[in-house]
Amino acid sequence: MTTYRLVFDDRALKEFRKLDQAVQNQARRKLAERLNNPRVQPDRLSGLKDCYKIKLRNAGVRLIYRVNDDRIEVVVISVGKRDSGKRDIYGTIVGRLKP
């Protein structure tokens, strides 16, 4: 089994560092699991190729990542909450995925 390498988009890393330490630790555990099996079908995002989510329910935080099989990487694109308005995590990733 191939283990993927974890990479953070610079903006996602800033967002991650703003999280409470306990939430960061929970996210690290979930990300470590995904490095062995990044393509969890129930967490696939429709309309966004190779993109998946991790929901940290207690904290209300989501991590959005893209799987890059060519480079064997899991790239965290965005970290945040689901809101209505400009700060919605799903709204931010659309802009970050554009070339």
PDB file of N, CA and C in Angstrom:
ATOM      1  N   MET A   1       0.834  -1.177   0.000  1.00  0.00           N
ATOM      2  CA  MET A   1       0.000   0.000   0.000  1.00  0.00           C
ATOM      3  C   MET A   1       0.884   1.248   0.000  1.00  0.00           C
ATOM      4  N   THR A   2       0.527   2.195  -0.827  1.00  0.00           N
ATOM      5  CA  THR A   2       1.282   3.426  -0.952  1.00  0.00           C
ATOM      6  C   THR A   2       0.818   4.435   0.092  1.00  0.00           C
ATOM      7  N   THR A   3       1.770   5.067   0.740  1.00  0.00           N
ATOM      8  CA  THR A   3       1.447   6.138   1.670  1.00  0.00           C
ATOM      9  C   THR A   3       1.689   7.463   0.964  1.00  0.00           C
ATOM     10  N   TYR A   4       0.684   8.311   0.988  1.00  0.00           N
ATOM     11  CA  TYR A   4       0.777   9.611   0.343  1.00  0.00           C
ATOM     12  C   TYR A   4       1.498  10.600   1.249  1.00  0.00           C
ATOM     13  N   ARG A   5       2.068  11.613   0.631  1.00  0.00           N
ATOM     14  CA  ARG A   5       2.766  12.676   1.351  1.00  0.00           C
ATOM     15  C   ARG A   5       1.780  13.817   1.594  1.00  0.00           C
ATOM     16  N   LEU A   6       1.817  14.420   2.761  1.00  0.00           N
ATOM     17  CA  LEU A   6       0.915  15.515   3.112  1.00  0.00           C
ATOM     18  C   LEU A   6       1.550  16.856   2.754  1.00  0.00           C
ATOM     19  N   VAL A   7       0.779  17.683   2.032  1.00  0.00           N
ATOM     20  CA  VAL A   7       1.223  19.017   1.630  1.00  0.00           C
ATOM     21  C   VAL A   7       0.098  19.999   1.954  1.00  0.00           C
ATOM     22  N   PHE A   8       0.445  21.160   2.469  1.00  0.00           N
ATOM     23  CA  PHE A   8      -0.542  22.206   2.743  1.00  0.00           C
ATOM     24  C   PHE A   8      -0.362  23.352   1.757  1.00  0.00           C
ATOM     25  N   ASP A   9      -1.459  23.831   1.186  1.00  0.00           N
ATOM     26  CA  ASP A   9      -1.464  25.107   0.483  1.00  0.00           C
ATOM     27  C   ASP A   9      -1.106  26.161   1.538  1.00  0.00           C
ATOM     28  N   ASP A  10      -0.364  27.196   1.154  1.00  0.00           N
ATOM     29  CA  ASP A  10       0.072  28.213   2.122  1.00  0.00           C
ATOM     30  C   ASP A  10      -1.098  28.831   2.879  1.00  0.00           C
ATOM     31  N   ARG A  11      -2.186  29.112   2.162  1.00  0.00           N
ATOM     32  CA  ARG A  11      -3.359  29.721   2.806  1.00  0.00           C
ATOM     33  C   ARG A  11      -4.018  28.741   3.770  1.00  0.00           C
ATOM     34  N   ALA A  12      -4.062  27.471   3.382  1.00  0.00           N
ATOM     35  CA  ALA A  12      -4.657  26.450   4.252  1.00  0.00           C
ATOM     36  C   ALA A  12      -3.818  26.261   5.517  1.00  0.00           C
ATOM     37  N   LEU A  13      -2.505  26.362   5.385  1.00  0.00           N
ATOM     38  CA  LEU A  13      -1.637  26.222   6.557  1.00  0.00           C
ATOM     39  C   LEU A  13      -1.885  27.360   7.554  1.00  0.00           C
ATOM     40  N   LYS A  14      -2.071  28.568   7.057  1.00  0.00           N
ATOM     41  CA  LYS A  14      -2.396  29.701   7.941  1.00  0.00           C
ATOM     42  C   LYS A  14      -3.720  29.455   8.658  1.00  0.00           C
ATOM     43  N   GLU A  15      -4.707  28.953   7.907  1.00  0.00           N
ATOM     44  CA  GLU A  15      -6.014  28.657   8.503  1.00  0.00           C
ATOM     45  C   GLU A  15      -5.890  27.563   9.561  1.00  0.00           C
ATOM     46  N   PHE A  16      -5.077  26.546   9.266  1.00  0.00           N
ATOM     47  CA  PHE A  16      -4.876  25.429  10.191  1.00  0.00           C
ATOM     48  C   PHE A  16      -4.243  25.915  11.492  1.00  0.00           C
ATOM     49  N   ARG A  17      -3.260  26.785  11.378  1.00  0.00           N
ATOM     50  CA  ARG A  17      -2.548  27.279  12.565  1.00  0.00           C
ATOM     51  C   ARG A  17      -3.418  28.149  13.467  1.00  0.00           C
ATOM     52  N   LYS A  18      -4.508  28.681  12.926  1.00  0.00           N
ATOM     53  CA  LYS A  18      -5.433  29.491  13.728  1.00  0.00           C
ATOM     54  C   LYS A  18      -6.361  28.634  14.583  1.00  0.00           C
ATOM     55  N   LEU A  19      -6.426  27.337  14.304  1.00  0.00           N
ATOM     56  CA  LEU A  19      -7.301  26.438  15.058  1.00  0.00           C
ATOM     57  C   LEU A  19      -6.758  26.210  16.460  1.00  0.00           C
ATOM     58  N   ASP A  20      -7.646  25.909  17.373  1.00  0.00           N
ATOM     59  CA  ASP A  20      -7.283  25.526  18.728  1.00  0.00           C
ATOM     60  C   ASP A  20      -6.380  24.287  18.676  1.00  0.00           C
ATOM     61  N   GLN A  21      -5.466  24.162  19.608  1.00  0.00           N
ATOM     62  CA  GLN A  21      -4.510  23.047  19.615  1.00  0.00           C
ATOM     63  C   GLN A  21      -5.202  21.687  19.627  1.00  0.00           C
ATOM     64  N   ALA A  22      -6.273  21.544  20.388  1.00  0.00           N
ATOM     65  CA  ALA A  22      -6.995  20.267  20.449  1.00  0.00           C
ATOM     66  C   ALA A  22      -7.608  19.923  19.093  1.00  0.00           C
ATOM     67  N   VAL A  23      -8.124  20.921  18.397  1.00  0.00           N
ATOM     68  CA  VAL A  23      -8.707  20.701  17.069  1.00  0.00           C
ATOM     69  C   VAL A  23      -7.602  20.349  16.071  1.00  0.00           C
ATOM     70  N   GLN A  24      -6.458  21.011  16.177  1.00  0.00           N
ATOM     71  CA  GLN A  24      -5.322  20.680  15.309  1.00  0.00           C
ATOM     72  C   GLN A  24      -4.909  19.221  15.498  1.00  0.00           C
ATOM     73  N   ASN A  25      -4.850  18.776  16.743  1.00  0.00           N
ATOM     74  CA  ASN A  25      -4.462  17.385  17.011  1.00  0.00           C
ATOM     75  C   ASN A  25      -5.470  16.405  16.427  1.00  0.00           C
ATOM     76  N   GLN A  26      -6.746  16.716  16.554  1.00  0.00           N
ATOM     77  CA  GLN A  26      -7.785  15.862  15.977  1.00  0.00           C
ATOM     78  C   GLN A  26      -7.639  15.820  14.451  1.00  0.00           C
ATOM     79  N   ALA A  27      -7.377  16.963  13.845  1.00  0.00           N
ATOM     80  CA  ALA A  27      -7.200  17.033  12.396  1.00  0.00           C
ATOM     81  C   ALA A  27      -5.967  16.243  11.956  1.00  0.00           C
ATOM     82  N   ARG A  28      -4.892  16.333  12.718  1.00  0.00           N
ATOM     83  CA  ARG A  28      -3.672  15.581  12.377  1.00  0.00           C
ATOM     84  C   ARG A  28      -3.930  14.074  12.368  1.00  0.00           C
ATOM     85  N   ARG A  29      -4.694  13.600  13.351  1.00  0.00           N
ATOM     86  CA  ARG A  29      -5.012  12.163  13.400  1.00  0.00           C
ATOM     87  C   ARG A  29      -5.815  11.736  12.177  1.00  0.00           C
ATOM     88  N   LYS A  30      -6.814  12.537  11.816  1.00  0.00           N
ATOM     89  CA  LYS A  30      -7.639  12.223  10.645  1.00  0.00           C
ATOM     90  C   LYS A  30      -6.803  12.266   9.366  1.00  0.00           C
ATOM     91  N   LEU A  31      -5.951  13.264   9.249  1.00  0.00           N
ATOM     92  CA  LEU A  31      -5.105  13.373   8.058  1.00  0.00           C
ATOM     93  C   LEU A  31      -4.143  12.194   7.957  1.00  0.00           C
ATOM     94  N   ALA A  32      -3.605  11.751   9.077  1.00  0.00           N
ATOM     95  CA  ALA A  32      -2.698  10.599   9.071  1.00  0.00           C
ATOM     96  C   ALA A  32      -3.406   9.356   8.542  1.00  0.00           C
ATOM     97  N   GLU A  33      -4.673   9.175   8.909  1.00  0.00           N
ATOM     98  CA  GLU A  33      -5.450   8.041   8.392  1.00  0.00           C
ATOM     99  C   GLU A  33      -5.626   8.156   6.883  1.00  0.00           C
ATOM    100  N   ARG A  34      -5.885   9.373   6.420  1.00  0.00           N
ATOM    101  CA  ARG A  34      -6.148   9.582   4.994  1.00  0.00           C
ATOM    102  C   ARG A  34      -4.898   9.417   4.131  1.00  0.00           C
ATOM    103  N   LEU A  35      -3.728   9.529   4.703  1.00  0.00           N
ATOM    104  CA  LEU A  35      -2.510   9.353   3.911  1.00  0.00           C
ATOM    105  C   LEU A  35      -2.367   7.920   3.423  1.00  0.00           C
ATOM    106  N   ASN A  36      -2.965   6.979   4.121  1.00  0.00           N
ATOM    107  CA  ASN A  36      -2.946   5.580   3.685  1.00  0.00           C
ATOM    108  C   ASN A  36      -4.082   5.265   2.728  1.00  0.00           C
ATOM    109  N   ASN A  37      -5.207   5.944   2.887  1.00  0.00           N
ATOM    110  CA  ASN A  37      -6.379   5.710   2.044  1.00  0.00           C
ATOM    111  C   ASN A  37      -7.087   7.050   1.812  1.00  0.00           C
ATOM    112  N   PRO A  38      -6.588   7.856   0.868  1.00  0.00           N
ATOM    113  CA  PRO A  38      -7.131   9.208   0.717  1.00  0.00           C
ATOM    114  C   PRO A  38      -8.489   9.285   0.022  1.00  0.00           C
ATOM    115  N   ARG A  39      -8.858   8.267  -0.732  1.00  0.00           N
ATOM    116  CA  ARG A  39     -10.097   8.320  -1.519  1.00  0.00           C
ATOM    117  C   ARG A  39     -11.249   7.647  -0.771  1.00  0.00           C
ATOM    118  N   VAL A  40     -11.842   8.370   0.156  1.00  0.00           N
ATOM    119  CA  VAL A  40     -12.987   7.892   0.927  1.00  0.00           C
ATOM    120  C   VAL A  40     -14.242   8.373   0.198  1.00  0.00           C
ATOM    121  N   GLN A  41     -14.915   7.454  -0.476  1.00  0.00           N
ATOM    122  CA  GLN A  41     -16.016   7.824  -1.368  1.00  0.00           C
ATOM    123  C   GLN A  41     -17.137   8.636  -0.712  1.00  0.00           C
ATOM    124  N   PRO A  42     -17.584   8.314   0.493  1.00  0.00           N
ATOM    125  CA  PRO A  42     -18.649   9.145   1.083  1.00  0.00           C
ATOM    126  C   PRO A  42     -18.227  10.606   1.301  1.00  0.00           C
ATOM    127  N   ASP A  43     -16.929  10.865   1.347  1.00  0.00           N
ATOM    128  CA  ASP A  43     -16.422  12.216   1.584  1.00  0.00           C
ATOM    129  C   ASP A  43     -15.967  12.917   0.306  1.00  0.00           C
ATOM    130  N   ARG A  44     -16.239  12.310  -0.843  1.00  0.00           N
ATOM    131  CA  ARG A  44     -15.872  12.915  -2.125  1.00  0.00           C
ATOM    132  C   ARG A  44     -16.762  14.126  -2.378  1.00  0.00           C
ATOM    133  N   LEU A  45     -16.177  15.184  -2.926  1.00  0.00           N
ATOM    134  CA  LEU A  45     -16.942  16.394  -3.234  1.00  0.00           C
ATOM    135  C   LEU A  45     -17.387  16.351  -4.689  1.00  0.00           C
ATOM    136  N   SER A  46     -18.675  16.451  -4.907  1.00  0.00           N
ATOM    137  CA  SER A  46     -19.189  16.395  -6.271  1.00  0.00           C
ATOM    138  C   SER A  46     -18.821  17.682  -7.009  1.00  0.00           C
ATOM    139  N   GLY A  47     -18.496  17.529  -8.267  1.00  0.00           N
ATOM    140  CA  GLY A  47     -18.159  18.676  -9.098  1.00  0.00           C
ATOM    141  C   GLY A  47     -16.727  19.151  -8.968  1.00  0.00           C
ATOM    142  N   LEU A  48     -15.962  18.573  -8.056  1.00  0.00           N
ATOM    143  CA  LEU A  48     -14.562  18.955  -7.874  1.00  0.00           C
ATOM    144  C   LEU A  48     -13.703  17.701  -7.979  1.00  0.00           C
ATOM    145  N   LYS A  49     -12.990  17.578  -9.077  1.00  0.00           N
ATOM    146  CA  LYS A  49     -12.224  16.372  -9.358  1.00  0.00           C
ATOM    147  C   LYS A  49     -11.161  16.112  -8.288  1.00  0.00           C
ATOM    148  N   ASP A  50     -11.143  14.888  -7.802  1.00  0.00           N
ATOM    149  CA  ASP A  50     -10.141  14.414  -6.833  1.00  0.00           C
ATOM    150  C   ASP A  50     -10.159  15.169  -5.502  1.00  0.00           C
ATOM    151  N   CYS A  51     -11.269  15.817  -5.163  1.00  0.00           N
ATOM    152  CA  CYS A  51     -11.365  16.570  -3.907  1.00  0.00           C
ATOM    153  C   CYS A  51     -12.253  15.841  -2.904  1.00  0.00           C
ATOM    154  N   TYR A  52     -11.828  15.890  -1.653  1.00  0.00           N
ATOM    155  CA  TYR A  52     -12.519  15.205  -0.562  1.00  0.00           C
ATOM    156  C   TYR A  52     -12.536  16.112   0.658  1.00  0.00           C
ATOM    157  N   LYS A  53     -13.389  15.762   1.632  1.00  0.00           N
ATOM    158  CA  LYS A  53     -13.483  16.550   2.856  1.00  0.00           C
ATOM    159  C   LYS A  53     -13.254  15.666   4.073  1.00  0.00           C
ATOM    160  N   ILE A  54     -12.806  16.300   5.121  1.00  0.00           N
ATOM    161  CA  ILE A  54     -12.749  15.695   6.451  1.00  0.00           C
ATOM    162  C   ILE A  54     -13.569  16.616   7.339  1.00  0.00           C
ATOM    163  N   LYS A  55     -14.564  16.051   8.011  1.00  0.00           N
ATOM    164  CA  LYS A  55     -15.395  16.848   8.920  1.00  0.00           C
ATOM    165  C   LYS A  55     -15.003  16.539  10.359  1.00  0.00           C
ATOM    166  N   LEU A  56     -14.676  17.571  11.087  1.00  0.00           N
ATOM    167  CA  LEU A  56     -14.440  17.461  12.524  1.00  0.00           C
ATOM    168  C   LEU A  56     -15.706  17.990  13.182  1.00  0.00           C
ATOM    169  N   ARG A  57     -16.637  17.096  13.404  1.00  0.00           N
ATOM    170  CA  ARG A  57     -17.992  17.488  13.806  1.00  0.00           C
ATOM    171  C   ARG A  57     -18.039  18.297  15.095  1.00  0.00           C
ATOM    172  N   ASN A  58     -17.316  17.868  16.110  1.00  0.00           N
ATOM    173  CA  ASN A  58     -17.377  18.565  17.405  1.00  0.00           C
ATOM    174  C   ASN A  58     -16.919  20.016  17.293  1.00  0.00           C
ATOM    175  N   ALA A  59     -15.939  20.256  16.434  1.00  0.00           N
ATOM    176  CA  ALA A  59     -15.405  21.609  16.277  1.00  0.00           C
ATOM    177  C   ALA A  59     -16.132  22.387  15.186  1.00  0.00           C
ATOM    178  N   GLY A  60     -16.899  21.698  14.350  1.00  0.00           N
ATOM    179  CA  GLY A  60     -17.580  22.365  13.243  1.00  0.00           C
ATOM    180  C   GLY A  60     -16.634  22.783  12.133  1.00  0.00           C
ATOM    181  N   VAL A  61     -15.488  22.123  12.049  1.00  0.00           N
ATOM    182  CA  VAL A  61     -14.445  22.484  11.086  1.00  0.00           C
ATOM    183  C   VAL A  61     -14.362  21.427   9.995  1.00  0.00           C
ATOM    184  N   ARG A  62     -14.077  21.891   8.786  1.00  0.00           N
ATOM    185  CA  ARG A  62     -13.860  20.985   7.658  1.00  0.00           C
ATOM    186  C   ARG A  62     -12.480  21.243   7.071  1.00  0.00           C
ATOM    187  N   LEU A  63     -11.858  20.162   6.605  1.00  0.00           N
ATOM    188  CA  LEU A  63     -10.621  20.267   5.843  1.00  0.00           C
ATOM    189  C   LEU A  63     -10.942  19.752   4.447  1.00  0.00           C
ATOM    190  N   ILE A  64     -10.577  20.503   3.437  1.00  0.00           N
ATOM    191  CA  ILE A  64     -10.785  20.094   2.055  1.00  0.00           C
ATOM    192  C   ILE A  64      -9.416  19.787   1.470  1.00  0.00           C
ATOM    193  N   TYR A  65      -9.312  18.619   0.837  1.00  0.00           N
ATOM    194  CA  TYR A  65      -8.032  18.247   0.244  1.00  0.00           C
ATOM    195  C   TYR A  65      -8.232  17.654  -1.138  1.00  0.00           C
ATOM    196  N   ARG A  66      -7.152  17.701  -1.920  1.00  0.00           N
ATOM    197  CA  ARG A  66      -7.144  17.132  -3.269  1.00  0.00           C
ATOM    198  C   ARG A  66      -6.080  16.041  -3.309  1.00  0.00           C
ATOM    199  N   VAL A  67      -6.426  14.937  -3.958  1.00  0.00           N
ATOM    200  CA  VAL A  67      -5.497  13.820  -4.111  1.00  0.00           C
ATOM    201  C   VAL A  67      -4.769  13.983  -5.438  1.00  0.00           C
ATOM    202  N   ASN A  68      -3.445  13.969  -5.388  1.00  0.00           N
ATOM    203  CA  ASN A  68      -2.621  14.064  -6.588  1.00  0.00           C
ATOM    204  C   ASN A  68      -1.861  12.750  -6.728  1.00  0.00           C
ATOM    205  N   ASP A  69      -2.375  11.862  -7.587  1.00  0.00           N
ATOM    206  CA  ASP A  69      -1.755  10.547  -7.755  1.00  0.00           C
ATOM    207  C   ASP A  69      -0.416  10.618  -8.476  1.00  0.00           C
ATOM    208  N   ASP A  70      -0.232  11.604  -9.347  1.00  0.00           N
ATOM    209  CA  ASP A  70       1.034  11.727 -10.077  1.00  0.00           C
ATOM    210  C   ASP A  70       2.199  11.984  -9.128  1.00  0.00           C
ATOM    211  N   ARG A  71       1.959  12.798  -8.114  1.00  0.00           N
ATOM    212  CA  ARG A  71       3.022  13.147  -7.164  1.00  0.00           C
ATOM    213  C   ARG A  71       2.886  12.406  -5.838  1.00  0.00           C
ATOM    214  N   ILE A  72       1.865  11.552  -5.742  1.00  0.00           N
ATOM    215  CA  ILE A  72       1.559  10.788  -4.522  1.00  0.00           C
ATOM    216  C   ILE A  72       1.458  11.744  -3.329  1.00  0.00           C
ATOM    217  N   GLU A  73       0.546  12.710  -3.477  1.00  0.00           N
ATOM    218  CA  GLU A  73       0.351  13.738  -2.458  1.00  0.00           C
ATOM    219  C   GLU A  73      -1.126  13.897  -2.103  1.00  0.00           C
ATOM    220  N   VAL A  74      -1.348  14.287  -0.869  1.00  0.00           N
ATOM    221  CA  VAL A  74      -2.644  14.781  -0.414  1.00  0.00           C
ATOM    222  C   VAL A  74      -2.399  16.254  -0.095  1.00  0.00           C
ATOM    223  N   VAL A  75      -3.048  17.136  -0.854  1.00  0.00           N
ATOM    224  CA  VAL A  75      -2.833  18.573  -0.708  1.00  0.00           C
ATOM    225  C   VAL A  75      -4.039  19.197  -0.009  1.00  0.00           C
ATOM    226  N   VAL A  76      -3.826  19.717   1.193  1.00  0.00           N
ATOM    227  CA  VAL A  76      -4.898  20.397   1.921  1.00  0.00           C
ATOM    228  C   VAL A  76      -5.060  21.779   1.295  1.00  0.00           C
ATOM    229  N   ILE A  77      -6.280  22.043   0.800  1.00  0.00           N
ATOM    230  CA  ILE A  77      -6.559  23.267   0.064  1.00  0.00           C
ATOM    231  C   ILE A  77      -7.168  24.338   0.959  1.00  0.00           C
ATOM    232  N   SER A  78      -8.013  23.921   1.886  1.00  0.00           N
ATOM    233  CA  SER A  78      -8.714  24.894   2.723  1.00  0.00           C
ATOM    234  C   SER A  78      -9.106  24.264   4.057  1.00  0.00           C
ATOM    235  N   VAL A  79      -9.124  25.090   5.088  1.00  0.00           N
ATOM    236  CA  VAL A  79      -9.530  24.678   6.433  1.00  0.00           C
ATOM    237  C   VAL A  79     -10.483  25.748   6.952  1.00  0.00           C
ATOM    238  N   GLY A  80     -11.666  25.327   7.401  1.00  0.00           N
ATOM    239  CA  GLY A  80     -12.595  26.325   7.919  1.00  0.00           C
ATOM    240  C   GLY A  80     -13.951  25.751   8.245  1.00  0.00           C
ATOM    241  N   LYS A  81     -14.878  26.664   8.483  1.00  0.00           N
ATOM    242  CA  LYS A  81     -16.237  26.275   8.852  1.00  0.00           C
ATOM    243  C   LYS A  81     -17.170  26.473   7.673  1.00  0.00           C
ATOM    244  N   ARG A  82     -18.276  25.782   7.736  1.00  0.00           N
ATOM    245  CA  ARG A  82     -19.323  25.964   6.736  1.00  0.00           C
ATOM    246  C   ARG A  82     -20.184  27.126   7.200  1.00  0.00           C
ATOM    247  N   ASP A  83     -20.157  28.213   6.461  1.00  0.00           N
ATOM    248  CA  ASP A  83     -20.921  29.415   6.791  1.00  0.00           C
ATOM    249  C   ASP A  83     -21.740  29.825   5.581  1.00  0.00           C
ATOM    250  N   SER A  84     -22.670  30.712   5.815  1.00  0.00           N
ATOM    251  CA  SER A  84     -23.322  31.333   4.669  1.00  0.00           C
ATOM    252  C   SER A  84     -22.597  32.653   4.442  1.00  0.00           C
ATOM    253  N   GLY A  85     -22.220  32.896   3.224  1.00  0.00           N
ATOM    254  CA  GLY A  85     -21.511  34.136   2.919  1.00  0.00           C
ATOM    255  C   GLY A  85     -20.116  33.888   2.390  1.00  0.00           C
ATOM    256  N   LYS A  86     -19.311  34.947   2.404  1.00  0.00           N
ATOM    257  CA  LYS A  86     -17.982  34.916   1.792  1.00  0.00           C
ATOM    258  C   LYS A  86     -17.009  33.968   2.481  1.00  0.00           C
ATOM    259  N   ARG A  87     -17.186  33.710   3.755  1.00  0.00           N
ATOM    260  CA  ARG A  87     -16.211  32.909   4.496  1.00  0.00           C
ATOM    261  C   ARG A  87     -16.503  31.421   4.455  1.00  0.00           C
ATOM    262  N   ASP A  88     -17.502  31.012   3.691  1.00  0.00           N
ATOM    263  CA  ASP A  88     -17.844  29.594   3.568  1.00  0.00           C
ATOM    264  C   ASP A  88     -16.667  28.839   2.960  1.00  0.00           C
ATOM    265  N   ILE A  89     -16.311  27.716   3.556  1.00  0.00           N
ATOM    266  CA  ILE A  89     -15.151  26.952   3.104  1.00  0.00           C
ATOM    267  C   ILE A  89     -15.296  26.498   1.656  1.00  0.00           C
ATOM    268  N   TYR A  90     -16.497  26.140   1.252  1.00  0.00           N
ATOM    269  CA  TYR A  90     -16.687  25.670  -0.116  1.00  0.00           C
ATOM    270  C   TYR A  90     -16.562  26.810  -1.121  1.00  0.00           C
ATOM    271  N   GLY A  91     -16.874  28.019  -0.709  1.00  0.00           N
ATOM    272  CA  GLY A  91     -16.683  29.177  -1.579  1.00  0.00           C
ATOM    273  C   GLY A  91     -15.215  29.505  -1.777  1.00  0.00           C
ATOM    274  N   THR A  92     -14.403  29.289  -0.751  1.00  0.00           N
ATOM    275  CA  THR A  92     -12.981  29.617  -0.864  1.00  0.00           C
ATOM    276  C   THR A  92     -12.233  28.641  -1.758  1.00  0.00           C
ATOM    277  N   ILE A  93     -12.637  27.379  -1.764  1.00  0.00           N
ATOM    278  CA  ILE A  93     -11.850  26.411  -2.534  1.00  0.00           C
ATOM    279  C   ILE A  93     -12.033  26.575  -4.026  1.00  0.00           C
ATOM    280  N   VAL A  94     -13.188  27.045  -4.458  1.00  0.00           N
ATOM    281  CA  VAL A  94     -13.405  27.216  -5.896  1.00  0.00           C
ATOM    282  C   VAL A  94     -12.366  28.174  -6.460  1.00  0.00           C
ATOM    283  N   GLY A  95     -12.114  29.273  -5.770  1.00  0.00           N
ATOM    284  CA  GLY A  95     -11.099  30.222  -6.217  1.00  0.00           C
ATOM    285  C   GLY A  95      -9.690  29.661  -6.133  1.00  0.00           C
ATOM    286  N   ARG A  96      -9.430  28.829  -5.172  1.00  0.00           N
ATOM    287  CA  ARG A  96      -8.087  28.269  -4.998  1.00  0.00           C
ATOM    288  C   ARG A  96      -7.770  27.177  -6.006  1.00  0.00           C
ATOM    289  N   LEU A  97      -8.790  26.559  -6.564  1.00  0.00           N
ATOM    290  CA  LEU A  97      -8.565  25.485  -7.529  1.00  0.00           C
ATOM    291  C   LEU A  97      -8.405  25.990  -8.951  1.00  0.00           C
ATOM    292  N   LYS A  98      -8.755  27.243  -9.198  1.00  0.00           N
ATOM    293  CA  LYS A  98      -8.611  27.786 -10.548  1.00  0.00           C
ATOM    294  C   LYS A  98      -7.133  27.939 -10.875  1.00  0.00           C
ATOM    295  N   PRO A  99      -6.762  27.624 -12.128  1.00  0.00           N
ATOM    296  CA  PRO A  99      -5.342  27.733 -12.512  1.00  0.00           C
ATOM    297  C   PRO A  99      -4.838  29.153 -12.545  1.00  0.00           C
TER     298      PRO A  99
END
